Protein backbone atom coordinates (compact mmCIF):
# COMPACT_ATOMS: atom_id res chain seq x y z
CA UNK A 1 9.91 92.93 239.38
CA UNK A 2 11.92 90.68 237.66
CA UNK A 3 14.84 91.87 235.62
CA UNK A 4 13.83 92.90 231.84
CA UNK A 5 14.88 90.56 229.18
CA UNK A 6 17.10 91.79 226.62
CA UNK A 7 16.86 91.70 222.84
CA UNK A 8 18.60 94.12 220.41
CA UNK A 9 16.83 94.75 217.21
CA UNK A 10 18.35 95.85 213.85
CA UNK A 11 16.19 97.88 211.63
CA UNK A 12 16.96 98.73 207.98
CA UNK A 13 15.56 101.66 206.26
CA UNK A 14 13.42 100.80 203.30
CA UNK A 15 12.17 97.50 204.81
CA UNK A 16 8.88 97.32 207.20
CA UNK A 17 9.27 95.58 210.87
CA UNK A 18 7.58 93.17 212.44
CA UNK A 19 8.51 90.82 215.36
CA UNK A 20 6.82 88.15 217.62
CA UNK A 21 7.50 88.27 221.24
CA UNK A 22 5.62 85.56 223.08
CA UNK A 23 4.81 86.25 227.11
CA UNK A 24 4.85 83.23 229.54
CA UNK A 25 4.15 82.51 232.97
CA UNK A 26 6.83 80.83 235.14
CA UNK A 27 5.19 77.39 234.42
CA UNK A 28 6.18 78.23 230.78
CA UNK A 29 2.34 78.48 229.60
CA UNK A 30 0.79 81.08 227.64
CA UNK A 31 0.60 84.52 229.46
CA UNK A 32 -2.96 85.59 229.30
CA UNK A 33 -2.92 89.30 228.12
CA UNK A 34 -6.54 90.00 228.47
CA UNK A 35 -7.10 93.71 229.70
CA UNK A 36 -3.26 94.31 229.69
CA UNK A 37 -2.00 97.18 227.69
CA UNK A 38 1.54 97.13 226.11
CA UNK A 39 3.39 100.06 224.62
CA UNK A 40 7.04 100.16 223.32
CA UNK A 41 9.08 103.14 222.03
CA UNK A 42 12.48 103.93 220.71
CA UNK A 43 14.51 106.67 222.60
CA UNK A 44 17.63 108.23 221.70
CA UNK A 45 18.87 107.64 225.55
CA UNK A 46 17.96 104.92 228.07
CA UNK A 47 16.16 107.43 229.90
CA UNK A 48 12.31 108.21 229.60
CA UNK A 49 12.95 112.01 229.04
CA UNK A 50 15.45 111.06 226.05
CA UNK A 51 14.03 112.24 222.77
CA UNK A 52 11.26 110.03 221.52
CA UNK A 53 12.23 108.52 218.24
CA UNK A 54 9.52 106.32 217.29
CA UNK A 55 6.47 104.29 218.91
CA UNK A 56 6.12 100.72 217.68
CA UNK A 57 2.55 99.37 217.03
CA UNK A 58 1.74 96.83 219.29
CA UNK A 59 -0.93 94.23 218.50
CA UNK A 60 -2.28 91.33 220.45
CA UNK A 61 -4.32 89.36 217.85
CA UNK A 62 -5.65 86.65 220.48
CA UNK A 63 -4.83 87.86 224.13
CA UNK A 64 -5.02 84.21 225.62
CA UNK A 65 -1.99 83.06 223.75
CA UNK A 66 0.59 85.32 225.09
CA UNK A 67 1.78 86.52 221.46
CA UNK A 68 2.60 90.23 220.71
CA UNK A 69 3.64 91.54 217.54
CA UNK A 70 5.66 94.83 217.30
CA UNK A 71 5.70 96.27 214.04
CA UNK A 72 6.89 99.79 212.15
CA UNK A 73 5.35 100.80 208.74
CA UNK A 74 7.76 101.25 205.51
CA UNK A 75 7.04 105.27 206.22
CA UNK A 76 7.84 105.03 209.74
CA UNK A 77 11.22 103.15 208.98
CA UNK A 78 12.40 105.55 206.07
CA UNK A 79 11.79 108.49 208.80
CA UNK A 80 14.65 106.84 211.05
CA UNK A 81 18.18 108.01 210.72
CA UNK A 82 20.97 105.62 210.72
CA UNK A 83 22.02 105.43 214.61
CA UNK A 84 22.11 103.38 217.49
CA UNK A 85 19.12 104.06 219.86
CA UNK A 86 17.16 102.32 222.64
CA UNK A 87 13.89 100.66 223.46
CA UNK A 88 11.74 98.95 225.66
CA UNK A 89 7.91 97.41 225.90
CA UNK A 90 6.12 98.34 229.14
CA UNK A 91 2.82 96.06 230.18
CA UNK A 92 0.43 97.41 232.54
CA UNK A 93 -1.76 95.32 234.28
CA UNK A 94 -5.77 95.50 233.48
CA UNK A 95 -6.50 97.66 236.87
CA UNK A 96 -3.70 100.12 235.85
CA UNK A 97 -1.93 99.70 238.94
CA UNK A 98 1.17 98.01 238.02
CA UNK A 99 3.68 98.45 235.47
CA UNK A 100 6.74 96.53 234.23
CA UNK A 101 9.34 96.96 231.56
CA UNK A 102 9.46 93.28 229.98
CA UNK A 103 12.03 93.49 227.50
CA UNK A 104 14.85 96.23 226.74
CA UNK A 105 17.44 96.53 224.33
CA UNK A 106 19.76 98.65 221.66
CA UNK A 107 18.16 99.36 218.36
CA UNK A 108 20.57 99.41 215.67
CA UNK A 109 19.28 101.46 212.73
CA UNK A 110 20.82 100.77 209.17
CA UNK A 111 20.42 102.20 205.87
CA UNK A 112 19.10 99.55 203.12
CA UNK A 113 21.40 98.85 200.32
CA UNK A 114 19.22 97.57 197.73
CA UNK A 115 16.64 100.10 196.12
CA UNK A 116 13.22 99.04 195.38
CA UNK A 117 12.46 99.83 191.94
């Protein structure tokens, strides 16, 4: 397994969140994600047994183009406390026999200043 990439995220309460990730093969072509399962979570610590804070919605509109979207709804974002947390994204092959953490990082959860009227 290769070392996961690092991507830190800043989330602002009062906003929705959506981020595109593009998976590529070693030759930089789009990775075909057909049949793969992806899961991404925010936890209080870097450990699997750390308190689960939230689970991202992971969507793959076209598995053949390697594009994956992570998102959190406004209600999920508003339920987060301002803090520093940790996240990663796990990808499991179609047979379910191999899982790898592809990206990980710190999540900075901040309050929003402007109030929607």
